[in-house]
């Protein structure tokens, strides 16, 4: 495995996953996929973590798959690329389904596999100079990490097709207008903006956040009536949780609740 191509930094209530191939624009390799996967496994050992932050080192979030690296390392074997994309899709899906909020701190270019990584995050905070695009069409490729499925669900099929067909890079503010980005901040204030958002989550019930995340994600794939029934079932289950009882007790006693995630 490549050394330190992914860095994990535990900062209070947040676990920062940083892609660390700055000279290659944090392009994705098998080592990065393994690194993200390993980081998530380590985060599971830290119940104090309330949010995962994904970002890139240098001037890019991620420019997508490192096709040169993959072609050279595979010796021209197309199956090696297929295995890489399949493994990456599995890791991205694990990130998407991770039971705590995941925040993309988009510090620069997020293209192809980079936007596919962004699409697996719950919240997107971007630097003013960030550019975001699908870009697969620019090199005769099609998506393999989920953008043909996740991007239409985020911004609608018409906008998604235009972005995919043209391969254009849009500004962070343009993507915020489409609904993909939550907040755009000056370049030098990205870390502080993310930390402010994490602070808003730090005193919330981790069990409640996990269940709300799952309800929203599952509900998008269900008819409305089915999704509402699932929400009611989840509420009935949550009503018996220690965290809900603690929240109600804290309200009555006019104190700050102390949630334990159960």
Protein backbone atom coordinates (compact mmCIF):
# COMPACT_ATOMS: atom_id res chain seq x y z
CA UNK A 1 0.00 0.00 0.00
CA UNK A 2 1.20 3.51 -0.80
CA UNK A 3 2.47 5.25 2.31
CA UNK A 4 0.30 8.03 3.73
CA UNK A 5 -1.77 8.61 0.61
CA UNK A 6 -4.67 8.98 3.03
CA UNK A 7 -4.24 10.67 6.39
CA UNK A 8 -6.62 10.31 9.33
CA UNK A 9 -6.64 13.07 11.94
CA UNK A 10 -8.94 12.93 14.97
CA UNK A 11 -9.80 16.50 15.97
CA UNK A 12 -12.21 16.49 18.88
CA UNK A 13 -15.66 15.53 17.57
CA UNK A 14 -14.47 15.25 13.95
CA UNK A 15 -12.39 12.70 12.09
CA UNK A 16 -10.63 14.31 9.12
CA UNK A 17 -9.79 12.04 6.17
CA UNK A 18 -7.33 13.82 3.90
CA UNK A 19 -6.37 12.59 0.44
CA UNK A 20 -2.62 13.12 0.29
CA UNK A 21 -1.33 12.95 -3.28
CA UNK A 22 -1.10 16.71 -3.87
CA UNK A 23 1.34 16.53 -6.79
CA UNK A 24 -1.11 14.21 -8.59
CA UNK A 25 -4.13 16.36 -7.69
CA UNK A 26 -5.18 13.65 -5.22
CA UNK A 27 -6.15 11.40 -8.10
CA UNK A 28 -7.57 8.12 -6.94
CA UNK A 29 -5.52 4.93 -6.83
CA UNK A 30 -6.14 1.53 -5.24
CA UNK A 31 -4.09 2.75 -2.29
CA UNK A 32 -6.40 5.69 -1.71
CA UNK A 33 -9.42 3.38 -1.76
CA UNK A 34 -7.75 1.13 0.80
CA UNK A 35 -6.77 4.16 2.85
CA UNK A 36 -10.32 5.51 3.02
CA UNK A 37 -11.62 2.07 3.93
CA UNK A 38 -9.02 1.68 6.69
CA UNK A 39 -9.79 5.17 8.01
CA UNK A 40 -13.49 4.35 8.32
CA UNK A 41 -12.63 1.17 10.19
CA UNK A 42 -10.48 3.15 12.61
CA UNK A 43 -13.20 5.78 13.09
CA UNK A 44 -15.61 3.03 14.13
CA UNK A 45 -13.36 2.48 17.16
CA UNK A 46 -13.95 6.06 18.34
CA UNK A 47 -17.52 6.59 19.54
CA UNK A 48 -16.71 10.20 20.46
CA UNK A 49 -16.51 11.12 16.76
CA UNK A 50 -19.63 12.95 15.63
CA UNK A 51 -18.71 13.71 12.01
CA UNK A 52 -16.34 12.57 9.28
CA UNK A 53 -14.72 15.25 7.12
CA UNK A 54 -13.24 14.35 3.73
CA UNK A 55 -10.85 16.80 2.06
CA UNK A 56 -7.74 16.98 -0.12
CA UNK A 57 -4.22 18.20 0.44
CA UNK A 58 -3.08 20.89 -1.98
CA UNK A 59 -5.03 22.57 -4.75
CA UNK A 60 -7.40 19.70 -5.49
CA UNK A 61 -10.03 17.76 -3.61
CA UNK A 62 -9.59 14.97 -6.16
CA UNK A 63 -9.21 15.07 -9.92
CA UNK A 64 -10.64 11.56 -10.25
CA UNK A 65 -9.06 8.21 -10.95
CA UNK A 66 -5.34 8.22 -11.77
CA UNK A 67 -5.69 6.48 -15.12
CA UNK A 68 -1.97 6.74 -15.89
CA UNK A 69 -1.08 5.05 -12.62
CA UNK A 70 -3.66 2.33 -13.12
CA UNK A 71 -2.65 1.66 -16.71
CA UNK A 72 1.02 1.45 -15.82
CA UNK A 73 0.49 -0.69 -12.75
CA UNK A 74 -1.90 -3.06 -14.50
CA UNK A 75 0.40 -3.68 -17.47
CA UNK A 76 -2.42 -2.88 -19.86
CA UNK A 77 -4.77 -5.44 -18.29
CA UNK A 78 -8.31 -3.96 -18.47
CA UNK A 79 -9.47 -6.30 -15.70
CA UNK A 80 -7.20 -4.50 -13.24
CA UNK A 81 -9.06 -1.26 -13.94
CA UNK A 82 -12.38 -3.05 -13.52
CA UNK A 83 -11.30 -4.42 -10.17
CA UNK A 84 -10.12 -0.98 -9.06
CA UNK A 85 -13.41 0.70 -9.99
CA UNK A 86 -15.42 -2.07 -8.33
CA UNK A 87 -13.41 -1.78 -5.12
CA UNK A 88 -13.69 2.01 -5.18
CA UNK A 89 -17.47 1.85 -5.62
CA UNK A 90 -17.68 -0.43 -2.59
CA UNK A 91 -15.66 2.01 -0.47
CA UNK A 92 -17.69 5.00 -1.66
CA UNK A 93 -20.91 3.19 -0.79
CA UNK A 94 -19.54 2.40 2.65
CA UNK A 95 -18.75 6.10 3.11
CA UNK A 96 -22.24 7.07 1.91
CA UNK A 97 -23.86 4.66 4.37
CA UNK A 98 -21.54 5.44 7.28
CA UNK A 99 -23.75 5.95 10.35
CA UNK A 100 -22.55 9.45 11.20
CA UNK A 101 -22.68 12.64 9.13
CA UNK A 102 -20.01 12.88 6.42
CA UNK A 103 -18.89 16.33 5.29
CA UNK A 104 -17.01 17.09 2.07
CA UNK A 105 -14.60 20.01 2.52
CA UNK A 106 -14.01 20.75 -1.15
CA UNK A 107 -10.76 22.69 -1.31
CA UNK A 108 -10.25 22.71 -5.08
CA UNK A 109 -10.90 20.58 -8.15
CA UNK A 110 -13.46 17.78 -7.67
CA UNK A 111 -13.75 15.97 -10.99
CA UNK A 112 -14.93 12.54 -12.20
CA UNK A 113 -14.11 10.24 -9.26
CA UNK A 114 -13.73 13.40 -7.19
CA UNK A 115 -17.35 14.43 -7.70
CA UNK A 116 -18.34 10.80 -7.06
CA UNK A 117 -16.64 11.11 -3.68
CA UNK A 118 -18.46 14.39 -3.01
CA UNK A 119 -21.78 12.75 -3.90
CA UNK A 120 -21.32 10.24 -1.08
CA UNK A 121 -21.12 12.99 1.53
CA UNK A 122 -24.12 14.31 3.45
CA UNK A 123 -22.97 17.93 3.61
CA UNK A 124 -20.77 19.81 1.12
CA UNK A 125 -18.84 22.93 2.10
CA UNK A 126 -16.67 24.32 -0.69
CA UNK A 127 -13.96 26.92 -1.07
CA UNK A 128 -14.77 29.84 -3.38
CA UNK A 129 -12.19 28.71 -5.94
CA UNK A 130 -13.37 25.09 -6.10
CA UNK A 131 -14.44 23.70 -9.45
CA UNK A 132 -16.72 20.66 -9.66
CA UNK A 133 -17.62 18.51 -12.65
CA UNK A 134 -18.16 14.98 -13.88
CA UNK A 135 -15.47 15.17 -16.60
CA UNK A 136 -15.67 11.49 -17.65
CA UNK A 137 -16.82 12.47 -21.15
CA UNK A 138 -13.67 14.52 -21.70
CA UNK A 139 -11.63 11.31 -21.87
CA UNK A 140 -14.12 8.97 -23.50
CA UNK A 141 -15.03 7.39 -20.16
CA UNK A 142 -18.33 6.75 -18.44
CA UNK A 143 -18.92 6.82 -14.68
CA UNK A 144 -18.05 3.78 -12.58
CA UNK A 145 -18.13 5.28 -9.10
CA UNK A 146 -21.79 6.22 -8.98
CA UNK A 147 -22.21 9.66 -10.55
CA UNK A 148 -24.75 8.50 -13.17
CA UNK A 149 -26.94 7.31 -10.28
CA UNK A 150 -26.22 9.76 -7.46
CA UNK A 151 -25.83 13.00 -9.41
CA UNK A 152 -29.40 12.98 -10.87
CA UNK A 153 -30.75 12.35 -7.39
CA UNK A 154 -28.89 15.40 -6.11
CA UNK A 155 -29.44 17.97 -8.86
CA UNK A 156 -32.09 16.40 -11.12
CA UNK A 157 -31.68 14.36 -14.31
CA UNK A 158 -31.64 17.25 -16.78
CA UNK A 159 -28.86 19.14 -15.03
CA UNK A 160 -26.97 15.91 -14.36
CA UNK A 161 -27.06 14.93 -18.04
CA UNK A 162 -25.82 18.36 -19.11
CA UNK A 163 -22.95 18.17 -16.65
CA UNK A 164 -22.07 14.62 -17.70
CA UNK A 165 -22.44 15.14 -21.48
CA UNK A 166 -20.35 18.34 -21.61
CA UNK A 167 -17.68 17.43 -19.07
CA UNK A 168 -17.75 21.05 -17.91
CA UNK A 169 -16.36 22.23 -14.58
CA UNK A 170 -18.72 24.50 -12.65
CA UNK A 171 -17.93 26.89 -9.83
CA UNK A 172 -18.82 26.08 -6.25
CA UNK A 173 -21.49 28.81 -6.32
CA UNK A 174 -23.04 27.39 -9.48
CA UNK A 175 -23.17 23.98 -7.82
CA UNK A 176 -24.69 25.52 -4.70
CA UNK A 177 -27.48 26.98 -6.87
CA UNK A 178 -28.11 23.45 -8.18
CA UNK A 179 -28.32 22.03 -4.66
CA UNK A 180 -25.11 19.99 -4.56
CA UNK A 181 -23.17 22.39 -2.32
CA UNK A 182 -24.48 23.62 1.03
CA UNK A 183 -22.10 26.51 1.67
CA UNK A 184 -19.36 28.40 -0.19
CA UNK A 185 -16.68 30.21 1.80
CA UNK A 186 -13.48 32.13 1.05
CA UNK A 187 -10.56 29.82 0.37
CA UNK A 188 -8.77 30.62 3.62
CA UNK A 189 -11.85 29.98 5.73
CA UNK A 190 -12.77 26.45 4.63
CA UNK A 191 -11.41 24.64 7.68
CA UNK A 192 -13.00 27.12 10.08
CA UNK A 193 -16.36 26.83 8.31
CA UNK A 194 -16.27 23.04 8.53
CA UNK A 195 -15.33 23.19 12.20
CA UNK A 196 -18.26 25.53 12.88
CA UNK A 197 -20.62 23.07 11.26
CA UNK A 198 -19.14 20.13 13.20
CA UNK A 199 -19.61 22.10 16.42
CA UNK A 200 -23.34 22.22 15.69
CA UNK A 201 -23.40 18.42 15.62
CA UNK A 202 -21.17 17.75 18.61
CA UNK A 203 -23.92 18.04 21.23
CA UNK A 204 -26.58 16.16 19.26
CA UNK A 205 -27.62 12.56 19.84
CA UNK A 206 -25.39 10.39 17.64
CA UNK A 207 -28.14 7.77 17.57
CA UNK A 208 -30.66 10.36 16.45
CA UNK A 209 -28.34 11.67 13.72
CA UNK A 210 -27.66 8.15 12.46
CA UNK A 211 -31.36 7.34 12.29
CA UNK A 212 -32.24 10.62 10.59
CA UNK A 213 -29.53 10.04 7.98
CA UNK A 214 -30.80 6.55 7.26
CA UNK A 215 -34.41 7.71 7.09
CA UNK A 216 -33.62 10.41 4.54
CA UNK A 217 -31.46 8.14 2.39
CA UNK A 218 -33.88 5.21 2.52
CA UNK A 219 -36.90 7.44 2.04
CA UNK A 220 -35.57 8.79 -1.25
CA UNK A 221 -35.75 5.28 -2.69
CA UNK A 222 -39.28 4.53 -1.49
CA UNK A 223 -42.77 5.69 -2.44
CA UNK A 224 -43.88 8.44 -0.08
CA UNK A 225 -46.44 6.31 1.75
CA UNK A 226 -43.86 3.58 2.36
CA UNK A 227 -41.27 6.12 3.51
CA UNK A 228 -43.75 7.64 5.97
CA UNK A 229 -44.52 4.23 7.42
CA UNK A 230 -40.80 3.56 7.82
CA UNK A 231 -40.39 6.90 9.58
CA UNK A 232 -43.16 6.01 12.03
CA UNK A 233 -41.56 2.63 12.73
CA UNK A 234 -38.21 4.30 13.33
CA UNK A 235 -39.80 6.86 15.63
CA UNK A 236 -41.45 4.15 17.69
CA UNK A 237 -38.11 2.38 18.00
CA UNK A 238 -36.30 5.60 18.88
CA UNK A 239 -38.86 6.46 21.55
CA UNK A 240 -37.42 3.65 23.68
CA UNK A 241 -33.85 4.91 23.35
CA UNK A 242 -31.84 6.32 26.23
CA UNK A 243 -30.96 9.38 24.16
CA UNK A 244 -34.59 10.38 23.59
CA UNK A 245 -35.39 9.92 27.28
CA UNK A 246 -32.32 11.95 28.19
CA UNK A 247 -33.35 14.73 25.83
CA UNK A 248 -36.84 14.94 27.32
CA UNK A 249 -35.46 14.86 30.86
CA UNK A 250 -32.95 17.61 30.05
CA UNK A 251 -35.74 19.76 28.59
CA UNK A 252 -37.84 19.35 31.73
CA UNK A 253 -34.88 20.02 34.03
CA UNK A 254 -33.63 22.97 31.95
CA UNK A 255 -30.13 21.53 31.45
CA UNK A 256 -27.94 20.44 28.57
CA UNK A 257 -28.59 16.81 27.58
CA UNK A 258 -25.75 14.30 27.82
CA UNK A 259 -26.27 11.87 24.98
CA UNK A 260 -24.60 8.45 24.94
CA UNK A 261 -25.64 7.21 21.52
CA UNK A 262 -27.97 4.49 22.69
